[in-house]
C-alpha atoms as a PDB file:
ATOM      1  CA  MET A   1      12.113 -78.822 121.592  1.00  0.00           C
ATOM      2  CA  HIS A   2      11.393 -75.421 122.742  1.00  0.00           C
ATOM      3  CA  SER A   3       7.853 -74.454 123.720  1.00  0.00           C
ATOM      4  CA  ILE A   4       6.161 -71.413 122.537  1.00  0.00           C
ATOM      5  CA  ALA A   5       4.121 -68.748 124.622  1.00  0.00           C
ATOM      6  CA  VAL A   6       1.327 -67.489 121.738  1.00  0.00           C
ATOM      7  CA  ALA A   7      -0.035 -63.974 122.333  1.00  0.00           C
ATOM      8  CA  GLY A   8      -2.214 -61.393 120.956  1.00  0.00           C
ATOM      9  CA  HIS A   9      -5.304 -61.863 119.334  1.00  0.00           C
ATOM     10  CA  ILE A  10      -7.486 -64.075 119.449  1.00  0.00           C
ATOM     11  CA  CYS A  11     -11.506 -64.445 118.180  1.00  0.00           C
ATOM     12  CA  LEU A  12     -13.877 -67.253 116.873  1.00  0.00           C
ATOM     13  CA  ASP A  13     -14.671 -67.378 113.212  1.00  0.00           C
ATOM     14  CA  VAL A  14     -18.713 -67.477 112.058  1.00  0.00           C
ATOM     15  CA  THR A  15     -18.378 -68.394 108.410  1.00  0.00           C
ATOM     16  CA  PRO A  16     -21.237 -69.308 106.948  1.00  0.00           C
ATOM     17  CA  LEU A  17     -20.863 -71.458 103.595  1.00  0.00           C
ATOM     18  CA  LEU A  18     -22.696 -69.365 100.551  1.00  0.00           C
ATOM     19  CA  ALA A  19     -24.090 -69.891  97.667  1.00  0.00           C
ATOM     20  CA  ASP A  20     -22.892 -68.720  94.278  1.00  0.00           C
ATOM     21  CA  LYS A  21     -25.697 -66.158  94.883  1.00  0.00           C
ATOM     22  CA  ALA A  22     -25.909 -65.382  97.755  1.00  0.00           C
ATOM     23  CA  ARG A  23     -26.184 -61.216  98.264  1.00  0.00           C
ATOM     24  CA  ILE A  24     -26.662 -58.566 100.949  1.00  0.00           C
ATOM     25  CA  ASP A  25     -30.400 -57.950  99.335  1.00  0.00           C
ATOM     26  CA  PRO A  26     -32.205 -56.260 102.495  1.00  0.00           C
ATOM     27  CA  GLY A  27     -36.308 -57.979 102.561  1.00  0.00           C
ATOM     28  CA  ALA A  28     -35.257 -60.996 100.863  1.00  0.00           C
ATOM     29  CA  LEU A  29     -34.544 -64.800 101.788  1.00  0.00           C
ATOM     30  CA  ILE A  30     -31.441 -66.278 100.512  1.00  0.00           C
ATOM     31  CA  GLU A  31     -30.579 -69.938 100.526  1.00  0.00           C
ATOM     32  CA  VAL A  32     -27.128 -70.612 101.952  1.00  0.00           C
ATOM     33  CA  GLY A  33     -25.557 -73.565 103.442  1.00  0.00           C
ATOM     34  CA  PRO A  34     -24.491 -74.508 107.260  1.00  0.00           C
ATOM     35  CA  LEU A  35     -22.288 -72.900 109.449  1.00  0.00           C
ATOM     36  CA  SER A  36     -19.445 -73.558 110.638  1.00  0.00           C
ATOM     37  CA  ILE A  37     -17.594 -71.785 114.117  1.00  0.00           C
ATOM     38  CA  THR A  38     -13.703 -72.350 114.768  1.00  0.00           C
ATOM     39  CA  LEU A  39     -10.882 -70.881 116.627  1.00  0.00           C
ATOM     40  CA  GLY A  40      -9.795 -67.881 114.795  1.00  0.00           C
ATOM     41  CA  GLY A  41      -6.718 -65.425 115.398  1.00  0.00           C
ATOM     42  CA  ALA A  42      -2.807 -65.212 115.495  1.00  0.00           C
ATOM     43  CA  VAL A  43      -3.176 -66.765 118.922  1.00  0.00           C
ATOM     44  CA  ALA A  44      -5.459 -69.913 118.234  1.00  0.00           C
ATOM     45  CA  ASN A  45      -4.569 -70.491 114.364  1.00  0.00           C
ATOM     46  CA  THR A  46      -0.707 -70.081 115.171  1.00  0.00           C
ATOM     47  CA  GLY A  47      -0.832 -72.226 118.325  1.00  0.00           C
ATOM     48  CA  THR A  48      -3.095 -74.803 117.060  1.00  0.00           C
ATOM     49  CA  ALA A  49      -0.673 -75.322 113.826  1.00  0.00           C
ATOM     50  CA  LEU A  50       2.236 -75.568 116.376  1.00  0.00           C
ATOM     51  CA  THR A  51       0.400 -77.866 118.974  1.00  0.00           C
ATOM     52  CA  ASN A  52      -0.597 -80.246 116.553  1.00  0.00           C
ATOM     53  CA  LEU A  53       2.864 -80.493 115.266  1.00  0.00           C
ATOM     54  CA  GLY A  54       4.349 -81.416 118.754  1.00  0.00           C
ATOM     55  CA  ILE A  55       4.866 -78.175 120.479  1.00  0.00           C
ATOM     56  CA  ASP A  56       3.923 -77.293 124.086  1.00  0.00           C
ATOM     57  CA  THR A  57       2.446 -73.852 122.994  1.00  0.00           C
ATOM     58  CA  VAL A  58       0.670 -71.875 125.039  1.00  0.00           C
ATOM     59  CA  PRO A  59      -1.838 -69.554 124.486  1.00  0.00           C
ATOM     60  CA  TYR A  60      -2.350 -65.742 126.081  1.00  0.00           C
ATOM     61  CA  GLY A  61      -5.178 -63.644 125.687  1.00  0.00           C
ATOM     62  CA  THR A  62      -7.963 -62.414 126.468  1.00  0.00           C
ATOM     63  CA  VAL A  63     -12.253 -63.168 125.996  1.00  0.00           C
ATOM     64  CA  GLY A  64     -15.631 -61.556 127.082  1.00  0.00           C
ATOM     65  CA  ASP A  65     -17.697 -63.265 129.805  1.00  0.00           C
ATOM     66  CA  ASP A  66     -20.341 -64.454 128.144  1.00  0.00           C
ATOM     67  CA  GLU A  67     -21.229 -68.043 125.782  1.00  0.00           C
ATOM     68  CA  LEU A  68     -19.092 -67.089 122.973  1.00  0.00           C
ATOM     69  CA  GLY A  69     -16.011 -67.270 125.563  1.00  0.00           C
ATOM     70  CA  ARG A  70     -16.876 -70.227 126.863  1.00  0.00           C
ATOM     71  CA  LEU A  71     -17.132 -71.728 123.801  1.00  0.00           C
ATOM     72  CA  LEU A  72     -13.603 -70.240 122.659  1.00  0.00           C
ATOM     73  CA  LEU A  73     -12.428 -72.301 125.667  1.00  0.00           C
ATOM     74  CA  ALA A  74     -13.968 -75.346 125.240  1.00  0.00           C
ATOM     75  CA  LYS A  75     -13.099 -75.405 121.952  1.00  0.00           C
ATOM     76  CA  LEU A  76      -8.779 -74.118 123.416  1.00  0.00           C
ATOM     77  CA  SER A  77      -9.630 -77.294 125.240  1.00  0.00           C
ATOM     78  CA  HIS A  78     -10.355 -79.785 122.690  1.00  0.00           C
ATOM     79  CA  GLN A  79      -7.458 -78.632 121.036  1.00  0.00           C
ATOM     80  CA  GLY A  80      -5.037 -79.901 122.979  1.00  0.00           C
ATOM     81  CA  PHE A  81      -3.964 -76.919 124.396  1.00  0.00           C
ATOM     82  CA  ARG A  82      -2.032 -77.681 128.096  1.00  0.00           C
ATOM     83  CA  ASP A  83      -2.750 -74.830 130.021  1.00  0.00           C
ATOM     84  CA  PRO A  84      -4.253 -71.772 128.039  1.00  0.00           C
ATOM     85  CA  HIS A  85      -3.421 -68.236 130.264  1.00  0.00           C
ATOM     86  CA  LEU A  86      -6.593 -66.485 129.270  1.00  0.00           C
ATOM     87  CA  ALA A  87      -7.725 -62.897 131.245  1.00  0.00           C
ATOM     88  CA  VAL A  88     -11.756 -62.560 130.985  1.00  0.00           C
ATOM     89  CA  SER A  89     -12.979 -59.060 130.252  1.00  0.00           C
ATOM     90  CA  GLU A  90     -16.402 -58.123 132.822  1.00  0.00           C
ATOM     91  CA  LYS A  91     -16.751 -55.247 129.929  1.00  0.00           C
ATOM     92  CA  LEU A  92     -16.606 -55.886 126.755  1.00  0.00           C
ATOM     93  CA  ALA A  93     -17.604 -59.429 124.240  1.00  0.00           C
ATOM     94  CA  THR A  94     -16.068 -61.888 123.670  1.00  0.00           C
ATOM     95  CA  SER A  95     -14.383 -60.868 120.170  1.00  0.00           C
ATOM     96  CA  TYR A  96     -15.286 -62.491 116.855  1.00  0.00           C
ATOM     97  CA  SER A  97     -14.713 -62.575 113.033  1.00  0.00           C
ATOM     98  CA  LEU A  98     -17.874 -62.745 110.293  1.00  0.00           C
ATOM     99  CA  VAL A  99     -15.775 -64.396 107.422  1.00  0.00           C
ATOM    100  CA  VAL A 100     -17.572 -64.035 104.396  1.00  0.00           C
ATOM    101  CA  GLU A 101     -15.619 -66.000 101.932  1.00  0.00           C
ATOM    102  CA  ARG A 102     -17.271 -67.374  98.516  1.00  0.00           C
ATOM    103  CA  SER A 103     -15.588 -69.605  95.928  1.00  0.00           C
ATOM    104  CA  GLY A 104     -13.753 -68.484  93.557  1.00  0.00           C
ATOM    105  CA  THR A 105     -12.515 -65.279  95.537  1.00  0.00           C
ATOM    106  CA  ASP A 106     -10.818 -63.952  98.184  1.00  0.00           C
ATOM    107  CA  ARG A 107     -11.922 -64.010 102.096  1.00  0.00           C
ATOM    108  CA  THR A 108     -14.063 -60.499 103.730  1.00  0.00           C
ATOM    109  CA  PHE A 109     -13.506 -60.706 107.380  1.00  0.00           C
ATOM    110  CA  TRP A 110     -16.965 -58.684 108.752  1.00  0.00           C
ATOM    111  CA  HIS A 111     -14.561 -57.690 112.139  1.00  0.00           C
ATOM    112  CA  HIS A 112     -15.763 -57.306 115.959  1.00  0.00           C
ATOM    113  CA  THR A 113     -12.035 -56.857 118.183  1.00  0.00           C
ATOM    114  CA  GLY A 114     -14.233 -56.813 121.209  1.00  0.00           C
ATOM    115  CA  ALA A 115     -12.121 -58.240 124.276  1.00  0.00           C
ATOM    116  CA  ASN A 116      -8.845 -57.532 122.433  1.00  0.00           C
ATOM    117  CA  ALA A 117      -8.909 -54.145 123.231  1.00  0.00           C
ATOM    118  CA  GLU A 118      -8.173 -54.778 127.121  1.00  0.00           C
ATOM    119  CA  PHE A 119      -4.977 -57.197 126.073  1.00  0.00           C
ATOM    120  CA  ASP A 120      -1.821 -55.076 126.877  1.00  0.00           C
ATOM    121  CA  GLY A 121       0.706 -57.985 127.339  1.00  0.00           C
ATOM    122  CA  ALA A 122       0.699 -57.968 131.279  1.00  0.00           C
ATOM    123  CA  SER A 123      -0.335 -61.209 131.700  1.00  0.00           C
ATOM    124  CA  VAL A 124       2.329 -63.159 129.388  1.00  0.00           C
ATOM    125  CA  SER A 125       4.956 -64.968 131.341  1.00  0.00           C
ATOM    126  CA  PRO A 126       7.527 -64.864 128.337  1.00  0.00           C
ATOM    127  CA  ALA A 127      10.050 -66.701 131.080  1.00  0.00           C
ATOM    128  CA  GLY A 128      10.943 -70.559 130.437  1.00  0.00           C
ATOM    129  CA  HIS A 129      10.055 -70.354 126.044  1.00  0.00           C
ATOM    130  CA  GLY A 130      11.796 -70.656 123.636  1.00  0.00           C
ATOM    131  CA  ILE A 131       9.856 -68.229 121.958  1.00  0.00           C
ATOM    132  CA  LEU A 132       7.612 -65.543 122.258  1.00  0.00           C
ATOM    133  CA  HIS A 133       4.966 -64.835 119.156  1.00  0.00           C
ATOM    134  CA  VAL A 134       2.777 -62.311 119.976  1.00  0.00           C
ATOM    135  CA  GLY A 135       0.245 -61.288 116.888  1.00  0.00           C
ATOM    136  CA  TYR A 136      -1.697 -58.901 115.067  1.00  0.00           C
ATOM    137  CA  PRO A 137      -1.126 -55.503 116.751  1.00  0.00           C
ATOM    138  CA  PRO A 138      -3.159 -53.283 114.703  1.00  0.00           C
ATOM    139  CA  LEU A 139      -6.057 -55.620 116.433  1.00  0.00           C
ATOM    140  CA  LEU A 140      -4.400 -54.885 120.304  1.00  0.00           C
ATOM    141  CA  PRO A 141      -5.311 -51.796 121.112  1.00  0.00           C
ATOM    142  CA  GLY A 142      -4.248 -52.075 124.241  1.00  0.00           C
ATOM    143  CA  LEU A 143      -0.374 -52.689 122.772  1.00  0.00           C
ATOM    144  CA  LEU A 144      -0.969 -49.796 121.064  1.00  0.00           C
ATOM    145  CA  GLU A 145      -0.540 -46.514 123.761  1.00  0.00           C
ATOM    146  CA  ASN A 146       2.916 -44.513 123.674  1.00  0.00           C
ATOM    147  CA  THR A 147       3.656 -45.543 120.487  1.00  0.00           C
ATOM    148  CA  GLY A 148       3.481 -49.314 121.068  1.00  0.00           C
ATOM    149  CA  ALA A 149       5.279 -49.145 124.551  1.00  0.00           C
ATOM    150  CA  PRO A 150       3.047 -51.697 126.348  1.00  0.00           C
ATOM    151  CA  LEU A 151       4.949 -53.887 122.767  1.00  0.00           C
ATOM    152  CA  LEU A 152       7.712 -52.705 122.932  1.00  0.00           C
ATOM    153  CA  GLU A 153       7.705 -53.021 127.259  1.00  0.00           C
ATOM    154  CA  LEU A 154       7.176 -56.971 126.846  1.00  0.00           C
ATOM    155  CA  PHE A 155       9.469 -57.316 124.127  1.00  0.00           C
ATOM    156  CA  GLU A 156      12.201 -56.126 126.126  1.00  0.00           C
ATOM    157  CA  SER A 157      11.257 -58.485 128.957  1.00  0.00           C
ATOM    158  CA  ALA A 158      11.313 -61.449 127.193  1.00  0.00           C
ATOM    159  CA  ARG A 159      14.832 -60.818 125.599  1.00  0.00           C
ATOM    160  CA  ALA A 160      15.851 -59.920 128.885  1.00  0.00           C
ATOM    161  CA  GLN A 161      15.243 -63.602 129.983  1.00  0.00           C
ATOM    162  CA  GLY A 162      17.019 -64.948 126.622  1.00  0.00           C
ATOM    163  CA  VAL A 163      13.484 -65.585 125.264  1.00  0.00           C
ATOM    164  CA  THR A 164      13.513 -64.632 121.576  1.00  0.00           C
ATOM    165  CA  THR A 165      10.612 -62.759 120.502  1.00  0.00           C
ATOM    166  CA  SER A 166       8.143 -63.268 117.210  1.00  0.00           C
ATOM    167  CA  LEU A 167       5.903 -60.708 115.911  1.00  0.00           C
ATOM    168  CA  ASP A 168       3.092 -61.197 113.270  1.00  0.00           C
ATOM    169  CA  LEU A 169       1.936 -58.257 111.911  1.00  0.00           C
ATOM    170  CA  ALA A 170      -1.617 -57.459 110.210  1.00  0.00           C
ATOM    171  CA  VAL A 171      -3.162 -55.029 107.928  1.00  0.00           C
ATOM    172  CA  VAL A 172      -4.232 -51.777 109.453  1.00  0.00           C
ATOM    173  CA  ASP A 173      -7.426 -50.359 108.263  1.00  0.00           C
ATOM    174  CA  PRO A 174      -7.354 -46.849 106.879  1.00  0.00           C
ATOM    175  CA  HIS A 175     -10.441 -45.526 107.896  1.00  0.00           C
ATOM    176  CA  SER A 176      -9.706 -47.063 112.068  1.00  0.00           C
ATOM    177  CA  ALA A 177      -8.820 -45.205 114.588  1.00  0.00           C
ATOM    178  CA  VAL A 178      -6.125 -46.944 114.193  1.00  0.00           C
ATOM    179  CA  GLY A 179      -5.278 -46.279 110.687  1.00  0.00           C
ATOM    180  CA  GLU A 180      -4.578 -42.829 112.098  1.00  0.00           C
ATOM    181  CA  MET A 181      -1.345 -43.804 114.032  1.00  0.00           C
ATOM    182  CA  GLU A 182       2.087 -43.631 112.682  1.00  0.00           C
ATOM    183  CA  TRP A 183       2.956 -47.582 112.381  1.00  0.00           C
ATOM    184  CA  GLY A 184       6.671 -46.515 111.021  1.00  0.00           C
ATOM    185  CA  ASP A 185       6.948 -45.023 114.458  1.00  0.00           C
ATOM    186  CA  ILE A 186       5.720 -48.410 116.288  1.00  0.00           C
ATOM    187  CA  TYR A 187       7.683 -50.283 114.006  1.00  0.00           C
ATOM    188  CA  SER A 188      10.827 -48.734 114.239  1.00  0.00           C
ATOM    189  CA  SER A 189      10.876 -48.496 118.151  1.00  0.00           C
ATOM    190  CA  VAL A 190       9.799 -52.201 118.241  1.00  0.00           C
ATOM    191  CA  PHE A 191      11.677 -53.826 115.756  1.00  0.00           C
ATOM    192  CA  PRO A 192      15.150 -53.751 117.581  1.00  0.00           C
ATOM    193  CA  PHE A 193      13.109 -55.982 119.841  1.00  0.00           C
ATOM    194  CA  SER A 194      11.952 -58.162 117.040  1.00  0.00           C
ATOM    195  CA  ASP A 195      13.960 -61.388 116.307  1.00  0.00           C
ATOM    196  CA  ILE A 196      11.516 -62.833 114.053  1.00  0.00           C
ATOM    197  CA  VAL A 197       8.988 -60.644 112.001  1.00  0.00           C
ATOM    198  CA  THR A 198       6.637 -62.762 109.803  1.00  0.00           C
ATOM    199  CA  PRO A 199       3.850 -59.759 108.421  1.00  0.00           C
ATOM    200  CA  SER A 200       2.683 -60.312 104.427  1.00  0.00           C
ATOM    201  CA  VAL A 201       3.340 -57.491 101.994  1.00  0.00           C
ATOM    202  CA  ASP A 202      -0.260 -55.828 102.709  1.00  0.00           C
ATOM    203  CA  ASP A 203       0.091 -55.570 106.702  1.00  0.00           C
ATOM    204  CA  LEU A 204       3.457 -53.068 105.138  1.00  0.00           C
ATOM    205  CA  THR A 205       2.290 -51.244 103.261  1.00  0.00           C
ATOM    206  CA  SER A 206      -1.166 -50.842 104.479  1.00  0.00           C
ATOM    207  CA  ALA A 207       0.548 -49.466 107.914  1.00  0.00           C
ATOM    208  CA  LEU A 208       3.710 -47.665 106.190  1.00  0.00           C
ATOM    209  CA  ARG A 209       0.661 -45.766 103.828  1.00  0.00           C
ATOM    210  CA  ILE A 210       2.859 -47.386 100.436  1.00  0.00           C
ATOM    211  CA  GLU A 211       0.274 -47.330  97.553  1.00  0.00           C
ATOM    212  CA  GLU A 212       2.478 -49.465  95.192  1.00  0.00           C
ATOM    213  CA  PRO A 213       1.535 -52.612  93.592  1.00  0.00           C
ATOM    214  CA  TYR A 214       2.999 -55.845  94.002  1.00  0.00           C
ATOM    215  CA  SER A 215       6.524 -56.237  92.644  1.00  0.00           C
ATOM    216  CA  LEU A 216      10.044 -58.447  93.909  1.00  0.00           C
ATOM    217  CA  GLN A 217      11.537 -55.183  93.781  1.00  0.00           C
ATOM    218  CA  LEU A 218       8.567 -54.299  96.764  1.00  0.00           C
ATOM    219  CA  VAL A 219       9.111 -56.973  98.942  1.00  0.00           C
ATOM    220  CA  GLN A 220      13.050 -56.356  98.828  1.00  0.00           C
ATOM    221  CA  ARG A 221      13.089 -53.007  99.521  1.00  0.00           C
ATOM    222  CA  LEU A 222      10.430 -53.924 102.988  1.00  0.00           C
ATOM    223  CA  ALA A 223      12.793 -56.625 103.777  1.00  0.00           C
ATOM    224  CA  ASP A 224      15.894 -54.546 103.862  1.00  0.00           C
ATOM    225  CA  GLN A 225      13.573 -51.719 105.514  1.00  0.00           C
ATOM    226  CA  LEU A 226      12.629 -54.702 108.765  1.00  0.00           C
ATOM    227  CA  ILE A 227      16.785 -55.556 108.683  1.00  0.00           C
ATOM    228  CA  ASP A 228      17.819 -52.184 109.214  1.00  0.00           C
ATOM    229  CA  GLN A 229      15.156 -51.283 111.967  1.00  0.00           C
ATOM    230  CA  GLY A 230      16.564 -54.520 113.493  1.00  0.00           C
ATOM    231  CA  VAL A 231      14.986 -57.501 112.840  1.00  0.00           C
ATOM    232  CA  ALA A 232      16.829 -60.322 112.632  1.00  0.00           C
ATOM    233  CA  VAL A 233      14.848 -62.466 110.239  1.00  0.00           C
ATOM    234  CA  ALA A 234      12.128 -61.045 108.116  1.00  0.00           C
ATOM    235  CA  VAL A 235       9.770 -63.500 106.042  1.00  0.00           C
ATOM    236  CA  ILE A 236       7.223 -61.569 104.048  1.00  0.00           C
ATOM    237  CA  SER A 237       4.291 -63.462 102.466  1.00  0.00           C
ATOM    238  CA  ALA A 238       2.575 -62.313  99.006  1.00  0.00           C
ATOM    239  CA  GLY A 239       0.275 -64.700  98.205  1.00  0.00           C
ATOM    240  CA  GLU A 240       0.392 -66.290  95.021  1.00  0.00           C
ATOM    241  CA  HIS A 241       4.318 -64.579  94.628  1.00  0.00           C
ATOM    242  CA  GLY A 242       5.588 -66.777  97.651  1.00  0.00           C
ATOM    243  CA  LEU A 243       7.588 -66.140 100.468  1.00  0.00           C
ATOM    244  CA  TYR A 244      10.652 -63.999 101.052  1.00  0.00           C
ATOM    245  CA  LEU A 245      13.169 -64.732 103.820  1.00  0.00           C
ATOM    246  CA  LYS A 246      15.913 -61.877 104.340  1.00  0.00           C
ATOM    247  CA  THR A 247      17.973 -62.192 107.506  1.00  0.00           C
ATOM    248  CA  SER A 248      20.982 -60.045 109.247  1.00  0.00           C
ATOM    249  CA  SER A 249      23.607 -60.184 110.567  1.00  0.00           C
ATOM    250  CA  ALA A 250      25.645 -63.434 112.456  1.00  0.00           C
ATOM    251  CA  GLU A 251      26.458 -61.321 115.321  1.00  0.00           C
ATOM    252  CA  ARG A 252      22.528 -59.833 115.369  1.00  0.00           C
ATOM    253  CA  LEU A 253      20.988 -63.566 115.220  1.00  0.00           C
ATOM    254  CA  ARG A 254      23.088 -64.269 118.269  1.00  0.00           C
ATOM    255  CA  SER A 255      21.421 -61.694 120.332  1.00  0.00           C
ATOM    256  CA  GLY A 256      17.966 -63.476 119.455  1.00  0.00           C
ATOM    257  CA  GLY A 257      17.449 -65.507 122.321  1.00  0.00           C
ATOM    258  CA  LYS A 258      17.913 -68.923 123.008  1.00  0.00           C
ATOM    259  CA  VAL A 259      16.720 -70.629 119.456  1.00  0.00           C
ATOM    260  CA  LEU A 260      17.906 -67.623 116.837  1.00  0.00           C
ATOM    261  CA  GLU A 261      21.715 -67.587 118.710  1.00  0.00           C
ATOM    262  CA  PRO A 262      22.360 -71.764 117.895  1.00  0.00           C
ATOM    263  CA  LEU A 263      21.134 -70.783 114.201  1.00  0.00           C
ATOM    264  CA  ALA A 264      23.543 -68.089 113.681  1.00  0.00           C
ATOM    265  CA  ASP A 265      26.330 -68.875 111.456  1.00  0.00           C
ATOM    266  CA  LEU A 266      23.261 -70.921 109.562  1.00  0.00           C
ATOM    267  CA  TRP A 267      21.068 -68.622 108.921  1.00  0.00           C
ATOM    268  CA  ALA A 268      22.988 -65.498 109.010  1.00  0.00           C
ATOM    269  CA  ASP A 269      23.256 -63.193 105.884  1.00  0.00           C
ATOM    270  CA  ARG A 270      20.298 -64.927 103.763  1.00  0.00           C
ATOM    271  CA  SER A 271      17.895 -64.155 101.228  1.00  0.00           C
ATOM    272  CA  LEU A 272      15.750 -66.421  99.703  1.00  0.00           C
ATOM    273  CA  THR A 273      12.504 -66.392  97.636  1.00  0.00           C
ATOM    274  CA  ILE A 274       9.773 -69.682  98.092  1.00  0.00           C
ATOM    275  CA  ALA A 275       6.722 -69.792  95.502  1.00  0.00           C
ATOM    276  CA  PRO A 276       3.489 -71.491  97.494  1.00  0.00           C
ATOM    277  CA  LEU A 277       2.695 -74.857  96.098  1.00  0.00           C
ATOM    278  CA  THR A 278      -0.432 -75.896  94.227  1.00  0.00           C
ATOM    279  CA  VAL A 279      -3.756 -76.716  95.609  1.00  0.00           C
ATOM    280  CA  THR A 280      -5.672 -78.159  93.150  1.00  0.00           C
ATOM    281  CA  HIS A 281      -8.692 -77.493  94.934  1.00  0.00           C
ATOM    282  CA  PRO A 282      -8.754 -75.112  97.401  1.00  0.00           C
ATOM    283  CA  VAL A 283     -10.935 -74.825 100.452  1.00  0.00           C
ATOM    284  CA  THR A 284     -10.134 -72.017 102.330  1.00  0.00           C
ATOM    285  CA  THR A 285      -7.575 -69.384 102.539  1.00  0.00           C
ATOM    286  CA  THR A 286      -8.145 -68.274 106.095  1.00  0.00           C
ATOM    287  CA  GLY A 287      -5.758 -69.196 108.403  1.00  0.00           C
ATOM    288  CA  THR A 288      -3.079 -70.090 105.765  1.00  0.00           C
ATOM    289  CA  GLY A 289      -0.703 -66.794 106.653  1.00  0.00           C
ATOM    290  CA  ASP A 290      -0.953 -67.910 110.958  1.00  0.00           C
ATOM    291  CA  ALA A 291      -0.062 -71.521 109.252  1.00  0.00           C
ATOM    292  CA  SER A 292       3.124 -69.996 107.514  1.00  0.00           C
ATOM    293  CA  THR A 293       4.581 -68.477 110.977  1.00  0.00           C
ATOM    294  CA  ALA A 294       3.686 -71.513 112.621  1.00  0.00           C
ATOM    295  CA  GLY A 295       6.149 -73.402 110.207  1.00  0.00           C
ATOM    296  CA  LEU A 296       8.457 -71.096 110.199  1.00  0.00           C
ATOM    297  CA  LEU A 297       8.608 -70.928 113.904  1.00  0.00           C
ATOM    298  CA  TYR A 298       8.529 -74.856 113.367  1.00  0.00           C
ATOM    299  CA  GLY A 299      11.276 -74.786 112.031  1.00  0.00           C
ATOM    300  CA  LEU A 300      13.722 -72.360 113.765  1.00  0.00           C
ATOM    301  CA  CYS A 301      12.828 -74.613 116.850  1.00  0.00           C
ATOM    302  CA  ALA A 302      13.682 -77.803 115.249  1.00  0.00           C
ATOM    303  CA  GLY A 303      17.074 -76.798 114.040  1.00  0.00           C
ATOM    304  CA  ALA A 304      16.096 -76.630 110.662  1.00  0.00           C
ATOM    305  CA  THR A 305      17.934 -74.546 107.764  1.00  0.00           C
ATOM    306  CA  PRO A 306      16.349 -71.929 105.946  1.00  0.00           C
ATOM    307  CA  GLU A 307      15.653 -73.617 103.235  1.00  0.00           C
ATOM    308  CA  GLN A 308      13.711 -76.310 105.163  1.00  0.00           C
ATOM    309  CA  SER A 309      11.555 -74.046 107.324  1.00  0.00           C
ATOM    310  CA  LEU A 310      10.611 -71.997 104.459  1.00  0.00           C
ATOM    311  CA  ALA A 311       9.279 -74.754 102.892  1.00  0.00           C
ATOM    312  CA  LEU A 312       7.783 -76.445 105.774  1.00  0.00           C
ATOM    313  CA  ALA A 313       6.047 -72.925 105.993  1.00  0.00           C
ATOM    314  CA  VAL A 314       4.383 -72.983 102.522  1.00  0.00           C
ATOM    315  CA  ALA A 315       3.740 -77.105 103.399  1.00  0.00           C
ATOM    316  CA  CYS A 316       1.563 -76.112 106.278  1.00  0.00           C
ATOM    317  CA  SER A 317      -0.242 -73.034 103.919  1.00  0.00           C
ATOM    318  CA  ALA A 318      -1.496 -75.786 101.638  1.00  0.00           C
ATOM    319  CA  ALA A 319      -2.528 -77.889 104.290  1.00  0.00           C
ATOM    320  CA  VAL A 320      -4.974 -75.685 105.763  1.00  0.00           C
ATOM    321  CA  MET A 321      -5.967 -74.295 101.728  1.00  0.00           C
ATOM    322  CA  ASP A 322      -6.842 -77.480 100.639  1.00  0.00           C
ATOM    323  CA  GLY A 323      -8.784 -78.351 104.104  1.00  0.00           C
ATOM    324  CA  SER A 324      -6.360 -81.455 104.645  1.00  0.00           C
ATOM    325  CA  GLY A 325      -5.307 -79.588 108.084  1.00  0.00           C
ATOM    326  CA  ILE A 326      -1.640 -79.325 109.355  1.00  0.00           C
ATOM    327  CA  THR A 327      -0.549 -82.783 110.761  1.00  0.00           C
ATOM    328  CA  VAL A 328       2.934 -84.836 109.966  1.00  0.00           C
ATOM    329  CA  ASN A 329       2.106 -87.088 107.489  1.00  0.00           C
ATOM    330  CA  ASN A 330      -0.161 -84.041 105.944  1.00  0.00           C
ATOM    331  CA  LEU A 331       2.802 -82.291 105.903  1.00  0.00           C
ATOM    332  CA  LEU A 332       4.835 -85.206 104.367  1.00  0.00           C
ATOM    333  CA  ARG A 333       2.346 -85.619 101.167  1.00  0.00           C
ATOM    334  CA  HIS A 334       3.002 -81.917 100.521  1.00  0.00           C
ATOM    335  CA  ASN A 335       6.638 -82.530 100.535  1.00  0.00           C
ATOM    336  CA  ALA A 336       8.285 -85.378 101.455  1.00  0.00           C
ATOM    337  CA  ASN A 337      11.811 -83.812 101.296  1.00  0.00           C
ATOM    338  CA  LEU A 338      10.495 -82.813 104.815  1.00  0.00           C
ATOM    339  CA  ALA A 339      10.945 -86.037 107.076  1.00  0.00           C
ATOM    340  CA  SER A 340      14.272 -85.008 107.903  1.00  0.00           C
ATOM    341  CA  VAL A 341      13.670 -82.276 109.494  1.00  0.00           C
ATOM    342  CA  PHE A 342      10.782 -84.485 111.717  1.00  0.00           C
ATOM    343  CA  ASP A 343      13.219 -87.457 112.015  1.00  0.00           C
ATOM    344  CA  ASN A 344      15.290 -85.203 113.813  1.00  0.00           C
ATOM    345  CA  GLN A 345      12.769 -84.610 116.496  1.00  0.00           C
ATOM    346  CA  GLN A 346      12.087 -88.338 117.026  1.00  0.00           C
END
């Protein structure tokens, strides 16, 4: 099985259990529940899911020289990451998100970018890995200088070494400094060197300033645009509407590094939609998108079909959402037909 380097945004998620009547009310004392502090960001979320599935996963990122940074490193070690490559900033604090998540509503993030601002990809060594996965460029200002030149340089270097590149995006805040960037130019520059791209609909519409409600036609149009700009495998998530996969030609896939090359004929010229799995008692939606990406990447490394890989992706999301966690047994509980994918790796 190929190893995977997971690089980019990493933080701690600080999540209070909120009572039904929790609110912001100056001067008042509001009763809430216990606090959880967990690994967060694309590096930790996608990386932990891959590690739990038995993939040798190496994280790259930047933390601060502070208590949160030391706690983050300890949690990475506890999760079984073999060899974390985390730079330590002398100036910036460790990134964290305060996750405000009430029952029956989607979560809100109060986020501090912190040391992630210094991550520019220069410390990443993609050689020897099957896949280099980079997560959340909109939250990594150091990758965005000169219309994303550091990100492009990182992917060009990986591709030159035969490594398959993977990119996950994030929602662009229109009121922030990155909201003023020309994301169309950034993405059109890096997509020809992005073999796999796994954004949400919101990631794309916020970056491209598209004000249009969800429709399957919108998702198809966005996927077509990614493929036209050079992406080999595009998987767009749309929450309750599921995942939409679009792939390029066999010729493009054969140029997509050591993971995609042998799958070129199997994966070429496909369009496929899969609905999410039903979770009767959802615990959280935090990290479900990253888990979906991990399922897709595992499927590709395992040589699975597009149908099997998307089934893995939605099973990973469901295992996070219902709180059971990503393990082979939990994924099989969600979809017993996945056994053949895991059996092939024994």
